[in-house]
Amino acid sequence: MNITHYGHACVLIEIGERRVLIDPGTYSNGFEELRDLDLVLITHAHPDHFDIARTTALLDRNPQARVVVGADAAEALDGYAAVRVVAEPGQTLTVGGVELQVTGGEHACIHPDLPTSRNNGYLIAGSVFHPGDAFDLPPAAVDTLFVPAGGPWMKLQESIDFLRAVAPRVAVPIHQAGLALAHQNMHHHLLATLAPVDTEVVVLEPAAPRAL
């Protein structure tokens, strides 16, 4: 399996011959010219996870790709010709030859005075888990976890506890674009220091594929 991190929450997963892109948002760069995508997964409709203009342009270059979204993000694609699959938490489905298990349902709380929003987590091919903006646990043991490192909806203790609860073989920090570089490094260090003993925390270089 190869993984490429395009910044913040956006990652490309290559499993065998399948190419799955997750959360091409406004804080991410380098995904725009990708080709031969099989799936584009959107966890929720917030712009840092779903840049509608760049995503639809990407889909124009990948007409074979299927888009898996929650109900709120699906509304942003109304009138667009891409093949959409609206996924709800609790579902298991196979799209484009890739098995997906959908978790979550609700974005983590930023503040009680703000309206809630939807959020899908995705367990991909029974192996790789992207939680979106929530700490809902995957439905089964996972090999690779994308673990949020920062955001207005979380504190680092929650991220560490989530990492310990999932206990994957490999954890890749994501969702750090809102942190200054010094804070990114500190959060990555703390995740690595406080991870389960058998978990390797791997910080990926931007837009550089890595076999994991």
Foldseek 3Di string as FASTA:
>chain_A
DKWAAQAFQWIWDCDPNAIEIFFPADGGDDCQPDEDHAEYEAFFDDRRRDVPVSVLSSCVRYVNHEYEYAPHNVVSCVPPDHHYDHDDAQDWDAGSNKIKHWHFFWAADLDPVDDIGTGIWIDINVAEIRGGRDLDADPDAHAEYAFEQDDSRDDLVSSLVSQQVNVHQEYEYHRCSVDDPVSVVVSLVVSQVSGPPNYHYDYDDHRDMDDD
